[in-house]
């Protein structure tokens, strides 16, 4: 039986995957909202295509409009879509101990059966992408999304109690059951369970606590964690508690990991209320990092920190405010396929 391991994101990659916004709140209703969505998704895809192959899954009938926005070097494949959050609807790629490419196909149910979500089409995208990539499909009965797991490539994973233990996702599951399934599918040997996600991520269109906005391993020796400096923002206390939990995990497991902060932007609110803007939600690709920017005074500092931890890679800031307004960031709309 093949033993699978999910490599760290900085592992050399074969391809970057995205999905094209087609309907619903992600695309928007007004002409301005539609243009904003298409422009933002294509900005990420086109930036990625400067460094490696990119494939975008498009809903039938959207091929022509997608091609207007996307670089000619980007491959398109057609499959029915409800939404465009490839990190969550697509598979999580792994590598077997025999060098085989695997694609873990978790159950997807609209981020915990949320009443606004539709997933009759998106629940099949894991299989579609797995087959298109030529990977061995690794099916799982656990409901999970790629944005809910952050790995260091050696077996450590960052989870949240509000995602994998969500009654809307995995009713009755224990931490031990979740960890056992992640051991089987992505090679987990140690799990850092954070209590919950950021404030806005628990509101409408949120994920109920994805870890890819909370913490990231730029390398196996460092864990970068989101920090909110303003005590007036509810994320100040949430991030502080998450850091305390992470510090105890390091001490209890002798992980040998240094925990460092990646401060949030200075802006605290949008028209919708408190924002969960986070620089943690970047994607690492071959020779580059596609990073969230927010037209904020803190952007330069954050991108500088990322350059420090990703030496030899070009750090490219892309305005992610349209993504966060729709419930995610750059990491959420991408999925990397490692080279084997």
C-alpha atoms as a PDB file:
ATOM      1  CA  UNK A   1       0.000   0.000   0.000  1.00  0.00           C
ATOM      2  CA  UNK A   2       1.318   3.423  -0.972  1.00  0.00           C
ATOM      3  CA  UNK A   3       2.199   5.787   1.861  1.00  0.00           C
ATOM      4  CA  UNK A   4       1.205   9.347   0.989  1.00  0.00           C
ATOM      5  CA  UNK A   5       2.746  12.634   2.086  1.00  0.00           C
ATOM      6  CA  UNK A   6       1.651  16.178   1.353  1.00  0.00           C
ATOM      7  CA  UNK A   7       4.764  18.216   0.525  1.00  0.00           C
ATOM      8  CA  UNK A   8       5.341  21.730   1.758  1.00  0.00           C
ATOM      9  CA  UNK A   9       3.995  24.330  -0.642  1.00  0.00           C
ATOM     10  CA  UNK A  10       7.473  25.429  -1.654  1.00  0.00           C
ATOM     11  CA  UNK A  11       8.189  21.985  -3.145  1.00  0.00           C
ATOM     12  CA  UNK A  12       8.887  22.205  -6.877  1.00  0.00           C
ATOM     13  CA  UNK A  13       5.614  22.308  -8.796  1.00  0.00           C
ATOM     14  CA  UNK A  14       4.288  20.897 -12.030  1.00  0.00           C
ATOM     15  CA  UNK A  15       1.245  23.153 -12.315  1.00  0.00           C
ATOM     16  CA  UNK A  16      -1.066  25.659 -10.625  1.00  0.00           C
ATOM     17  CA  UNK A  17      -4.837  25.098 -10.750  1.00  0.00           C
ATOM     18  CA  UNK A  18      -7.677  27.632 -10.538  1.00  0.00           C
ATOM     19  CA  UNK A  19     -11.398  27.717 -11.329  1.00  0.00           C
ATOM     20  CA  UNK A  20     -13.160  30.481 -13.237  1.00  0.00           C
ATOM     21  CA  UNK A  21     -15.922  32.469 -11.439  1.00  0.00           C
ATOM     22  CA  UNK A  22     -19.185  31.689 -13.189  1.00  0.00           C
ATOM     23  CA  UNK A  23     -22.296  32.304 -11.076  1.00  0.00           C
ATOM     24  CA  UNK A  24     -23.620  33.459  -7.730  1.00  0.00           C
ATOM     25  CA  UNK A  25     -22.157  35.808  -5.151  1.00  0.00           C
ATOM     26  CA  UNK A  26     -18.554  35.112  -6.210  1.00  0.00           C
ATOM     27  CA  UNK A  27     -19.118  36.430  -9.706  1.00  0.00           C
ATOM     28  CA  UNK A  28     -21.478  39.164  -8.536  1.00  0.00           C
ATOM     29  CA  UNK A  29     -24.643  40.621  -9.990  1.00  0.00           C
ATOM     30  CA  UNK A  30     -23.719  44.069 -11.280  1.00  0.00           C
ATOM     31  CA  UNK A  31     -21.464  44.637 -14.277  1.00  0.00           C
ATOM     32  CA  UNK A  32     -18.869  46.203 -11.991  1.00  0.00           C
ATOM     33  CA  UNK A  33     -18.870  43.186  -9.657  1.00  0.00           C
ATOM     34  CA  UNK A  34     -18.580  40.752 -12.556  1.00  0.00           C
ATOM     35  CA  UNK A  35     -15.667  42.689 -14.025  1.00  0.00           C
ATOM     36  CA  UNK A  36     -13.982  42.872 -10.624  1.00  0.00           C
ATOM     37  CA  UNK A  37     -14.216  39.102 -10.104  1.00  0.00           C
ATOM     38  CA  UNK A  38     -12.941  38.223 -13.563  1.00  0.00           C
ATOM     39  CA  UNK A  39     -10.119  40.757 -13.364  1.00  0.00           C
ATOM     40  CA  UNK A  40      -8.965  39.555  -9.941  1.00  0.00           C
ATOM     41  CA  UNK A  41      -9.060  35.824 -10.698  1.00  0.00           C
ATOM     42  CA  UNK A  42      -7.249  36.399 -13.990  1.00  0.00           C
ATOM     43  CA  UNK A  43      -4.606  38.588 -12.313  1.00  0.00           C
ATOM     44  CA  UNK A  44      -3.657  35.672 -10.069  1.00  0.00           C
ATOM     45  CA  UNK A  45      -3.732  33.133 -12.896  1.00  0.00           C
ATOM     46  CA  UNK A  46      -1.727  35.339 -15.276  1.00  0.00           C
ATOM     47  CA  UNK A  47       0.882  36.108 -12.616  1.00  0.00           C
ATOM     48  CA  UNK A  48       1.294  32.407 -11.941  1.00  0.00           C
ATOM     49  CA  UNK A  49       1.645  31.660 -15.644  1.00  0.00           C
ATOM     50  CA  UNK A  50       4.790  33.773 -15.746  1.00  0.00           C
ATOM     51  CA  UNK A  51       6.518  31.102 -13.672  1.00  0.00           C
ATOM     52  CA  UNK A  52       4.891  27.724 -14.389  1.00  0.00           C
ATOM     53  CA  UNK A  53       2.060  25.998 -16.258  1.00  0.00           C
ATOM     54  CA  UNK A  54      -1.439  27.020 -15.128  1.00  0.00           C
ATOM     55  CA  UNK A  55      -4.746  25.299 -15.787  1.00  0.00           C
ATOM     56  CA  UNK A  56      -8.114  26.949 -15.179  1.00  0.00           C
ATOM     57  CA  UNK A  57     -11.317  24.916 -14.916  1.00  0.00           C
ATOM     58  CA  UNK A  58     -14.187  26.763 -16.606  1.00  0.00           C
ATOM     59  CA  UNK A  59     -17.907  26.156 -16.555  1.00  0.00           C
ATOM     60  CA  UNK A  60     -19.339  25.069 -19.932  1.00  0.00           C
ATOM     61  CA  UNK A  61     -20.096  28.200 -21.929  1.00  0.00           C
ATOM     62  CA  UNK A  62     -17.521  30.357 -20.156  1.00  0.00           C
ATOM     63  CA  UNK A  63     -14.580  29.376 -22.340  1.00  0.00           C
ATOM     64  CA  UNK A  64     -14.709  32.455 -24.584  1.00  0.00           C
ATOM     65  CA  UNK A  65     -15.019  35.008 -21.797  1.00  0.00           C
ATOM     66  CA  UNK A  66     -12.297  33.316 -19.760  1.00  0.00           C
ATOM     67  CA  UNK A  67      -9.949  33.378 -22.731  1.00  0.00           C
ATOM     68  CA  UNK A  68     -10.446  37.153 -23.049  1.00  0.00           C
ATOM     69  CA  UNK A  69      -8.958  37.656 -19.596  1.00  0.00           C
ATOM     70  CA  UNK A  70      -6.425  34.853 -19.349  1.00  0.00           C
ATOM     71  CA  UNK A  71      -2.958  34.575 -20.832  1.00  0.00           C
ATOM     72  CA  UNK A  72      -2.747  32.489 -23.977  1.00  0.00           C
ATOM     73  CA  UNK A  73      -0.300  30.169 -22.242  1.00  0.00           C
ATOM     74  CA  UNK A  74      -2.950  29.074 -19.720  1.00  0.00           C
ATOM     75  CA  UNK A  75      -4.710  25.781 -20.365  1.00  0.00           C
ATOM     76  CA  UNK A  76      -8.477  25.564 -19.991  1.00  0.00           C
ATOM     77  CA  UNK A  77     -10.512  22.480 -19.187  1.00  0.00           C
ATOM     78  CA  UNK A  78     -14.295  22.452 -19.019  1.00  0.00           C
ATOM     79  CA  UNK A  79     -16.341  21.067 -16.149  1.00  0.00           C
ATOM     80  CA  UNK A  80     -19.575  22.167 -14.438  1.00  0.00           C
ATOM     81  CA  UNK A  81     -18.928  24.602 -11.581  1.00  0.00           C
ATOM     82  CA  UNK A  82     -20.952  26.230  -8.826  1.00  0.00           C
ATOM     83  CA  UNK A  83     -18.128  28.382  -7.515  1.00  0.00           C
ATOM     84  CA  UNK A  84     -14.451  29.179  -7.974  1.00  0.00           C
ATOM     85  CA  UNK A  85     -12.554  28.361  -4.760  1.00  0.00           C
ATOM     86  CA  UNK A  86     -10.180  25.740  -6.168  1.00  0.00           C
ATOM     87  CA  UNK A  87      -8.299  25.259  -2.881  1.00  0.00           C
ATOM     88  CA  UNK A  88     -11.490  23.858  -1.374  1.00  0.00           C
ATOM     89  CA  UNK A  89     -13.347  22.174  -4.219  1.00  0.00           C
ATOM     90  CA  UNK A  90     -10.277  20.670  -5.859  1.00  0.00           C
ATOM     91  CA  UNK A  91      -8.080  17.843  -4.592  1.00  0.00           C
ATOM     92  CA  UNK A  92      -5.140  18.165  -2.224  1.00  0.00           C
ATOM     93  CA  UNK A  93      -2.077  16.761  -3.981  1.00  0.00           C
ATOM     94  CA  UNK A  94       0.267  14.327  -2.289  1.00  0.00           C
ATOM     95  CA  UNK A  95       3.332  12.278  -3.242  1.00  0.00           C
ATOM     96  CA  UNK A  96       3.638   8.558  -2.618  1.00  0.00           C
ATOM     97  CA  UNK A  97       6.658   6.839  -1.148  1.00  0.00           C
ATOM     98  CA  UNK A  98       7.104   5.280  -4.599  1.00  0.00           C
ATOM     99  CA  UNK A  99       7.160   8.705  -6.296  1.00  0.00           C
ATOM    100  CA  UNK A 100       3.562   8.527  -7.474  1.00  0.00           C
ATOM    101  CA  UNK A 101       1.434  11.666  -7.673  1.00  0.00           C
ATOM    102  CA  UNK A 102      -1.737  11.355  -5.611  1.00  0.00           C
ATOM    103  CA  UNK A 103      -4.791  13.587  -5.298  1.00  0.00           C
ATOM    104  CA  UNK A 104      -6.776  13.399  -2.077  1.00  0.00           C
ATOM    105  CA  UNK A 105     -10.473  13.741  -2.831  1.00  0.00           C
ATOM    106  CA  UNK A 106     -12.099  14.892   0.405  1.00  0.00           C
ATOM    107  CA  UNK A 107     -15.873  15.216   0.659  1.00  0.00           C
ATOM    108  CA  UNK A 108     -16.990  18.765  -0.118  1.00  0.00           C
ATOM    109  CA  UNK A 109     -20.372  19.940   1.203  1.00  0.00           C
ATOM    110  CA  UNK A 110     -20.367  23.712   0.867  1.00  0.00           C
ATOM    111  CA  UNK A 111     -18.187  24.569   3.867  1.00  0.00           C
ATOM    112  CA  UNK A 112     -20.315  22.647   6.319  1.00  0.00           C
ATOM    113  CA  UNK A 113     -23.689  22.607   4.550  1.00  0.00           C
ATOM    114  CA  UNK A 114     -24.080  26.383   4.682  1.00  0.00           C
ATOM    115  CA  UNK A 115     -27.527  27.538   3.601  1.00  0.00           C
ATOM    116  CA  UNK A 116     -26.238  29.907   0.922  1.00  0.00           C
ATOM    117  CA  UNK A 117     -23.884  27.414  -0.703  1.00  0.00           C
ATOM    118  CA  UNK A 118     -24.473  25.149  -3.685  1.00  0.00           C
ATOM    119  CA  UNK A 119     -22.137  22.254  -4.369  1.00  0.00           C
ATOM    120  CA  UNK A 120     -23.935  19.748  -6.590  1.00  0.00           C
ATOM    121  CA  UNK A 121     -21.295  20.471  -9.257  1.00  0.00           C
ATOM    122  CA  UNK A 122     -18.321  21.499  -7.126  1.00  0.00           C
ATOM    123  CA  UNK A 123     -18.377  18.210  -5.194  1.00  0.00           C
ATOM    124  CA  UNK A 124     -17.085  16.505  -8.353  1.00  0.00           C
ATOM    125  CA  UNK A 125     -14.187  18.876  -9.118  1.00  0.00           C
ATOM    126  CA  UNK A 126     -11.742  16.888  -6.965  1.00  0.00           C
ATOM    127  CA  UNK A 127     -12.279  13.902  -9.222  1.00  0.00           C
ATOM    128  CA  UNK A 128     -12.141  16.026 -12.395  1.00  0.00           C
ATOM    129  CA  UNK A 129      -8.813  17.632 -11.484  1.00  0.00           C
ATOM    130  CA  UNK A 130      -7.344  14.369 -10.220  1.00  0.00           C
ATOM    131  CA  UNK A 131      -8.092  12.682 -13.529  1.00  0.00           C
ATOM    132  CA  UNK A 132      -6.857  15.624 -15.607  1.00  0.00           C
ATOM    133  CA  UNK A 133      -3.580  15.713 -13.677  1.00  0.00           C
ATOM    134  CA  UNK A 134      -2.979  11.989 -14.089  1.00  0.00           C
ATOM    135  CA  UNK A 135      -2.810  11.509 -10.325  1.00  0.00           C
ATOM    136  CA  UNK A 136      -3.927   8.465  -8.398  1.00  0.00           C
ATOM    137  CA  UNK A 137      -7.156   9.450  -6.687  1.00  0.00           C
ATOM    138  CA  UNK A 138      -7.142   8.961  -2.925  1.00  0.00           C
ATOM    139  CA  UNK A 139     -10.766   9.072  -1.823  1.00  0.00           C
ATOM    140  CA  UNK A 140     -11.675  10.122   1.708  1.00  0.00           C
ATOM    141  CA  UNK A 141     -14.967   9.931   3.590  1.00  0.00           C
ATOM    142  CA  UNK A 142     -13.989  12.949   5.676  1.00  0.00           C
ATOM    143  CA  UNK A 143     -15.456  16.349   4.814  1.00  0.00           C
ATOM    144  CA  UNK A 144     -12.605  18.807   4.502  1.00  0.00           C
ATOM    145  CA  UNK A 145     -11.248  21.577   2.312  1.00  0.00           C
ATOM    146  CA  UNK A 146      -7.718  22.337   1.226  1.00  0.00           C
ATOM    147  CA  UNK A 147      -7.906  25.693   2.985  1.00  0.00           C
ATOM    148  CA  UNK A 148      -8.382  23.852   6.260  1.00  0.00           C
ATOM    149  CA  UNK A 149      -4.964  22.165   6.251  1.00  0.00           C
ATOM    150  CA  UNK A 150      -1.560  23.852   6.348  1.00  0.00           C
ATOM    151  CA  UNK A 151       1.429  21.489   6.255  1.00  0.00           C
ATOM    152  CA  UNK A 152       5.202  21.701   6.667  1.00  0.00           C
ATOM    153  CA  UNK A 153       6.015  18.702   4.471  1.00  0.00           C
ATOM    154  CA  UNK A 154       7.411  16.628   7.352  1.00  0.00           C
ATOM    155  CA  UNK A 155       4.076  15.492   8.769  1.00  0.00           C
ATOM    156  CA  UNK A 156       2.956  18.521  10.771  1.00  0.00           C
ATOM    157  CA  UNK A 157      -0.436  20.045   9.982  1.00  0.00           C
ATOM    158  CA  UNK A 158      -2.369  23.068  11.269  1.00  0.00           C
ATOM    159  CA  UNK A 159      -6.105  22.485  11.784  1.00  0.00           C
ATOM    160  CA  UNK A 160      -8.979  24.262  13.522  1.00  0.00           C
ATOM    161  CA  UNK A 161     -11.560  22.737  15.801  1.00  0.00           C
ATOM    162  CA  UNK A 162     -14.278  24.721  14.016  1.00  0.00           C
ATOM    163  CA  UNK A 163     -13.579  23.113  10.624  1.00  0.00           C
ATOM    164  CA  UNK A 164     -12.681  19.438  10.883  1.00  0.00           C
ATOM    165  CA  UNK A 165     -14.853  18.988  14.013  1.00  0.00           C
ATOM    166  CA  UNK A 166     -17.695  21.090  12.604  1.00  0.00           C
ATOM    167  CA  UNK A 167     -21.019  19.230  13.098  1.00  0.00           C
ATOM    168  CA  UNK A 168     -21.981  20.434   9.633  1.00  0.00           C
ATOM    169  CA  UNK A 169     -18.939  18.700   8.196  1.00  0.00           C
ATOM    170  CA  UNK A 170     -18.055  15.668  10.295  1.00  0.00           C
ATOM    171  CA  UNK A 171     -20.737  15.135  12.962  1.00  0.00           C
ATOM    172  CA  UNK A 172     -19.517  13.002  15.828  1.00  0.00           C
ATOM    173  CA  UNK A 173     -15.892  12.841  14.672  1.00  0.00           C
ATOM    174  CA  UNK A 174     -13.137  13.112  17.272  1.00  0.00           C
ATOM    175  CA  UNK A 175      -9.720  14.686  16.923  1.00  0.00           C
ATOM    176  CA  UNK A 176      -8.253  11.182  16.925  1.00  0.00           C
ATOM    177  CA  UNK A 177     -10.430  10.141  13.982  1.00  0.00           C
ATOM    178  CA  UNK A 178      -9.534  13.270  12.018  1.00  0.00           C
ATOM    179  CA  UNK A 179      -5.824  12.806  12.667  1.00  0.00           C
ATOM    180  CA  UNK A 180      -5.981   9.132  11.692  1.00  0.00           C
ATOM    181  CA  UNK A 181      -7.624   9.993   8.377  1.00  0.00           C
ATOM    182  CA  UNK A 182      -5.088  12.743   7.706  1.00  0.00           C
ATOM    183  CA  UNK A 183      -2.293  10.298   8.512  1.00  0.00           C
ATOM    184  CA  UNK A 184      -3.688   7.940   5.875  1.00  0.00           C
ATOM    185  CA  UNK A 185      -4.264  10.591   3.230  1.00  0.00           C
ATOM    186  CA  UNK A 186      -1.622  13.318   3.663  1.00  0.00           C
ATOM    187  CA  UNK A 187       0.921  11.713   6.020  1.00  0.00           C
ATOM    188  CA  UNK A 188       0.142  13.637   9.218  1.00  0.00           C
ATOM    189  CA  UNK A 189       2.311  12.792  12.237  1.00  0.00           C
ATOM    190  CA  UNK A 190       1.546  15.815  14.445  1.00  0.00           C
ATOM    191  CA  UNK A 191      -1.488  18.129  14.450  1.00  0.00           C
ATOM    192  CA  UNK A 192      -1.672  21.665  15.791  1.00  0.00           C
ATOM    193  CA  UNK A 193      -5.341  22.246  16.639  1.00  0.00           C
ATOM    194  CA  UNK A 194      -6.166  25.944  16.787  1.00  0.00           C
ATOM    195  CA  UNK A 195      -9.447  26.780  18.557  1.00  0.00           C
ATOM    196  CA  UNK A 196     -11.123  28.787  15.805  1.00  0.00           C
ATOM    197  CA  UNK A 197     -10.683  31.017  12.800  1.00  0.00           C
ATOM    198  CA  UNK A 198     -10.840  34.784  12.417  1.00  0.00           C
ATOM    199  CA  UNK A 199     -13.968  36.765  13.262  1.00  0.00           C
ATOM    200  CA  UNK A 200     -15.133  37.566   9.727  1.00  0.00           C
ATOM    201  CA  UNK A 201     -14.467  33.999   8.592  1.00  0.00           C
ATOM    202  CA  UNK A 202     -17.325  32.901  10.857  1.00  0.00           C
ATOM    203  CA  UNK A 203     -19.802  35.289   9.261  1.00  0.00           C
ATOM    204  CA  UNK A 204     -21.856  34.800   6.088  1.00  0.00           C
ATOM    205  CA  UNK A 205     -19.727  33.452   3.216  1.00  0.00           C
ATOM    206  CA  UNK A 206     -16.995  32.457   5.661  1.00  0.00           C
ATOM    207  CA  UNK A 207     -15.469  29.022   6.024  1.00  0.00           C
ATOM    208  CA  UNK A 208     -15.939  28.786   9.812  1.00  0.00           C
ATOM    209  CA  UNK A 209     -12.245  28.894  10.452  1.00  0.00           C
ATOM    210  CA  UNK A 210      -9.815  27.844   7.711  1.00  0.00           C
ATOM    211  CA  UNK A 211      -6.226  27.604   8.889  1.00  0.00           C
ATOM    212  CA  UNK A 212      -4.751  29.062   5.677  1.00  0.00           C
ATOM    213  CA  UNK A 213      -5.572  32.547   6.934  1.00  0.00           C
ATOM    214  CA  UNK A 214      -4.134  31.868  10.395  1.00  0.00           C
ATOM    215  CA  UNK A 215      -0.733  30.215  10.017  1.00  0.00           C
ATOM    216  CA  UNK A 216       1.730  28.993   7.416  1.00  0.00           C
ATOM    217  CA  UNK A 217       5.014  27.091   7.338  1.00  0.00           C
ATOM    218  CA  UNK A 218       7.371  28.947   4.959  1.00  0.00           C
ATOM    219  CA  UNK A 219       9.809  26.178   5.878  1.00  0.00           C
ATOM    220  CA  UNK A 220       9.656  23.307   8.394  1.00  0.00           C
ATOM    221  CA  UNK A 221      11.507  25.325  11.032  1.00  0.00           C
ATOM    222  CA  UNK A 222       9.232  28.387  11.106  1.00  0.00           C
ATOM    223  CA  UNK A 223       5.507  28.916  11.669  1.00  0.00           C
ATOM    224  CA  UNK A 224       4.276  32.365  10.647  1.00  0.00           C
ATOM    225  CA  UNK A 225       1.063  33.345  12.429  1.00  0.00           C
ATOM    226  CA  UNK A 226      -1.462  36.092  11.803  1.00  0.00           C
ATOM    227  CA  UNK A 227      -1.337  38.907  14.365  1.00  0.00           C
ATOM    228  CA  UNK A 228      -3.860  41.692  14.823  1.00  0.00           C
ATOM    229  CA  UNK A 229      -2.343  44.584  16.749  1.00  0.00           C
ATOM    230  CA  UNK A 230      -5.511  46.626  17.272  1.00  0.00           C
ATOM    231  CA  UNK A 231      -7.231  45.717  20.509  1.00  0.00           C
ATOM    232  CA  UNK A 232     -10.476  47.123  19.072  1.00  0.00           C
ATOM    233  CA  UNK A 233     -10.582  44.340  16.479  1.00  0.00           C
ATOM    234  CA  UNK A 234     -12.049  40.979  17.615  1.00  0.00           C
ATOM    235  CA  UNK A 235      -9.171  39.189  15.867  1.00  0.00           C
ATOM    236  CA  UNK A 236      -6.743  40.660  18.401  1.00  0.00           C
ATOM    237  CA  UNK A 237      -7.891  38.218  21.077  1.00  0.00           C
ATOM    238  CA  UNK A 238      -8.448  35.362  18.601  1.00  0.00           C
ATOM    239  CA  UNK A 239      -4.925  35.601  17.186  1.00  0.00           C
ATOM    240  CA  UNK A 240      -3.401  35.923  20.652  1.00  0.00           C
ATOM    241  CA  UNK A 241      -5.192  32.775  21.824  1.00  0.00           C
ATOM    242  CA  UNK A 242      -4.148  30.888  18.697  1.00  0.00           C
ATOM    243  CA  UNK A 243      -0.538  31.845  19.290  1.00  0.00           C
ATOM    244  CA  UNK A 244      -0.687  30.683  22.917  1.00  0.00           C
ATOM    245  CA  UNK A 245      -2.097  27.335  21.771  1.00  0.00           C
ATOM    246  CA  UNK A 246       0.645  27.031  19.157  1.00  0.00           C
ATOM    247  CA  UNK A 247       3.332  27.790  21.732  1.00  0.00           C
ATOM    248  CA  UNK A 248       2.007  25.029  23.994  1.00  0.00           C
ATOM    249  CA  UNK A 249       1.973  22.619  21.043  1.00  0.00           C
ATOM    250  CA  UNK A 250       5.614  23.393  20.280  1.00  0.00           C
ATOM    251  CA  UNK A 251       6.557  22.876  23.922  1.00  0.00           C
ATOM    252  CA  UNK A 252       4.508  19.701  24.349  1.00  0.00           C
ATOM    253  CA  UNK A 253       5.692  18.050  21.126  1.00  0.00           C
ATOM    254  CA  UNK A 254       9.286  19.338  21.115  1.00  0.00           C
ATOM    255  CA  UNK A 255       8.559  20.360  17.532  1.00  0.00           C
ATOM    256  CA  UNK A 256      11.599  22.606  17.239  1.00  0.00           C
ATOM    257  CA  UNK A 257       9.529  25.202  15.394  1.00  0.00           C
ATOM    258  CA  UNK A 258      10.045  28.952  15.804  1.00  0.00           C
ATOM    259  CA  UNK A 259       6.754  30.872  15.884  1.00  0.00           C
ATOM    260  CA  UNK A 260       6.878  34.338  14.357  1.00  0.00           C
ATOM    261  CA  UNK A 261       4.206  36.965  13.691  1.00  0.00           C
ATOM    262  CA  UNK A 262       2.949  38.303  10.386  1.00  0.00           C
ATOM    263  CA  UNK A 263       0.997  41.447  11.391  1.00  0.00           C
ATOM    264  CA  UNK A 264      -2.332  42.268   9.775  1.00  0.00           C
ATOM    265  CA  UNK A 265      -2.911  45.335   7.601  1.00  0.00           C
ATOM    266  CA  UNK A 266      -3.751  48.577   9.364  1.00  0.00           C
ATOM    267  CA  UNK A 267      -7.290  48.765   7.953  1.00  0.00           C
ATOM    268  CA  UNK A 268      -9.774  47.233  10.379  1.00  0.00           C
ATOM    269  CA  UNK A 269     -13.158  47.566   8.713  1.00  0.00           C
ATOM    270  CA  UNK A 270     -14.929  47.670   5.379  1.00  0.00           C
ATOM    271  CA  UNK A 271     -18.521  48.610   4.627  1.00  0.00           C
ATOM    272  CA  UNK A 272     -19.485  45.104   5.772  1.00  0.00           C
ATOM    273  CA  UNK A 273     -17.815  45.402   9.190  1.00  0.00           C
ATOM    274  CA  UNK A 274     -14.555  44.036  10.578  1.00  0.00           C
ATOM    275  CA  UNK A 275     -12.283  42.549   7.907  1.00  0.00           C
ATOM    276  CA  UNK A 276     -10.122  39.440   8.190  1.00  0.00           C
ATOM    277  CA  UNK A 277      -7.424  40.692   5.803  1.00  0.00           C
ATOM    278  CA  UNK A 278      -4.375  38.471   6.232  1.00  0.00           C
ATOM    279  CA  UNK A 279      -0.990  38.227   4.557  1.00  0.00           C
ATOM    280  CA  UNK A 280      -0.822  34.568   5.599  1.00  0.00           C
ATOM    281  CA  UNK A 281      -3.110  33.695   2.689  1.00  0.00           C
ATOM    282  CA  UNK A 282      -0.465  33.639  -0.059  1.00  0.00           C
ATOM    283  CA  UNK A 283       0.459  30.869  -2.477  1.00  0.00           C
ATOM    284  CA  UNK A 284       4.024  29.696  -3.070  1.00  0.00           C
ATOM    285  CA  UNK A 285       4.853  28.658  -6.646  1.00  0.00           C
ATOM    286  CA  UNK A 286       8.024  27.993  -8.613  1.00  0.00           C
ATOM    287  CA  UNK A 287      10.392  30.920  -8.083  1.00  0.00           C
ATOM    288  CA  UNK A 288       7.635  33.238  -6.824  1.00  0.00           C
ATOM    289  CA  UNK A 289       5.084  33.967  -4.125  1.00  0.00           C
ATOM    290  CA  UNK A 290       1.699  35.391  -5.080  1.00  0.00           C
ATOM    291  CA  UNK A 291       0.861  37.485  -2.038  1.00  0.00           C
ATOM    292  CA  UNK A 292      -2.196  39.407  -0.909  1.00  0.00           C
ATOM    293  CA  UNK A 293      -1.950  43.176  -0.825  1.00  0.00           C
ATOM    294  CA  UNK A 294      -4.629  45.600   0.330  1.00  0.00           C
ATOM    295  CA  UNK A 295      -3.472  49.077  -0.730  1.00  0.00           C
ATOM    296  CA  UNK A 296      -2.474  49.399   2.898  1.00  0.00           C
ATOM    297  CA  UNK A 297       0.484  51.071   4.633  1.00  0.00           C
ATOM    298  CA  UNK A 298       1.468  47.658   6.018  1.00  0.00           C
ATOM    299  CA  UNK A 299       1.763  46.020   2.581  1.00  0.00           C
ATOM    300  CA  UNK A 300       5.456  46.807   2.108  1.00  0.00           C
ATOM    301  CA  UNK A 301       6.370  45.482   5.544  1.00  0.00           C
ATOM    302  CA  UNK A 302       4.449  42.268   5.002  1.00  0.00           C
ATOM    303  CA  UNK A 303       5.870  41.631   1.546  1.00  0.00           C
ATOM    304  CA  UNK A 304       9.327  42.280   2.978  1.00  0.00           C
ATOM    305  CA  UNK A 305       8.765  39.636   5.659  1.00  0.00           C
ATOM    306  CA  UNK A 306       7.680  37.163   3.002  1.00  0.00           C
ATOM    307  CA  UNK A 307      10.796  37.914   0.951  1.00  0.00           C
ATOM    308  CA  UNK A 308      12.878  37.128   4.010  1.00  0.00           C
ATOM    309  CA  UNK A 309      11.307  33.693   4.409  1.00  0.00           C
ATOM    310  CA  UNK A 310      11.127  32.819   0.725  1.00  0.00           C
ATOM    311  CA  UNK A 311      14.650  33.663  -0.464  1.00  0.00           C
ATOM    312  CA  UNK A 312      15.210  33.283  -4.179  1.00  0.00           C
ATOM    313  CA  UNK A 313      11.537  33.795  -4.962  1.00  0.00           C
ATOM    314  CA  UNK A 314       9.962  36.933  -6.385  1.00  0.00           C
ATOM    315  CA  UNK A 315       7.206  38.127  -4.039  1.00  0.00           C
ATOM    316  CA  UNK A 316       4.375  39.642  -6.073  1.00  0.00           C
ATOM    317  CA  UNK A 317       1.620  41.604  -4.353  1.00  0.00           C
ATOM    318  CA  UNK A 318      -1.845  41.353  -5.913  1.00  0.00           C
ATOM    319  CA  UNK A 319      -4.812  43.365  -4.631  1.00  0.00           C
ATOM    320  CA  UNK A 320      -6.842  40.753  -2.767  1.00  0.00           C
ATOM    321  CA  UNK A 321      -9.623  42.984  -1.445  1.00  0.00           C
ATOM    322  CA  UNK A 322     -12.113  41.730  -4.059  1.00  0.00           C
ATOM    323  CA  UNK A 323     -11.332  38.177  -2.971  1.00  0.00           C
ATOM    324  CA  UNK A 324     -11.724  38.857   0.735  1.00  0.00           C
ATOM    325  CA  UNK A 325     -15.003  40.659   0.042  1.00  0.00           C
ATOM    326  CA  UNK A 326     -16.193  37.352  -1.407  1.00  0.00           C
ATOM    327  CA  UNK A 327     -14.891  35.219   1.457  1.00  0.00           C
ATOM    328  CA  UNK A 328     -11.292  34.234   0.679  1.00  0.00           C
ATOM    329  CA  UNK A 329      -7.873  35.162  -0.613  1.00  0.00           C
ATOM    330  CA  UNK A 330      -5.209  34.184  -3.132  1.00  0.00           C
ATOM    331  CA  UNK A 331      -4.431  30.870  -1.452  1.00  0.00           C
ATOM    332  CA  UNK A 332      -8.153  30.041  -1.504  1.00  0.00           C
ATOM    333  CA  UNK A 333      -8.525  30.297  -5.277  1.00  0.00           C
ATOM    334  CA  UNK A 334      -5.396  28.308  -6.160  1.00  0.00           C
ATOM    335  CA  UNK A 335      -4.145  24.750  -5.731  1.00  0.00           C
ATOM    336  CA  UNK A 336      -0.590  23.697  -6.468  1.00  0.00           C
ATOM    337  CA  UNK A 337       0.311  20.374  -8.090  1.00  0.00           C
ATOM    338  CA  UNK A 338       3.761  19.243  -6.917  1.00  0.00           C
ATOM    339  CA  UNK A 339       6.323  17.822  -9.304  1.00  0.00           C
ATOM    340  CA  UNK A 340       7.207  14.160  -8.793  1.00  0.00           C
END
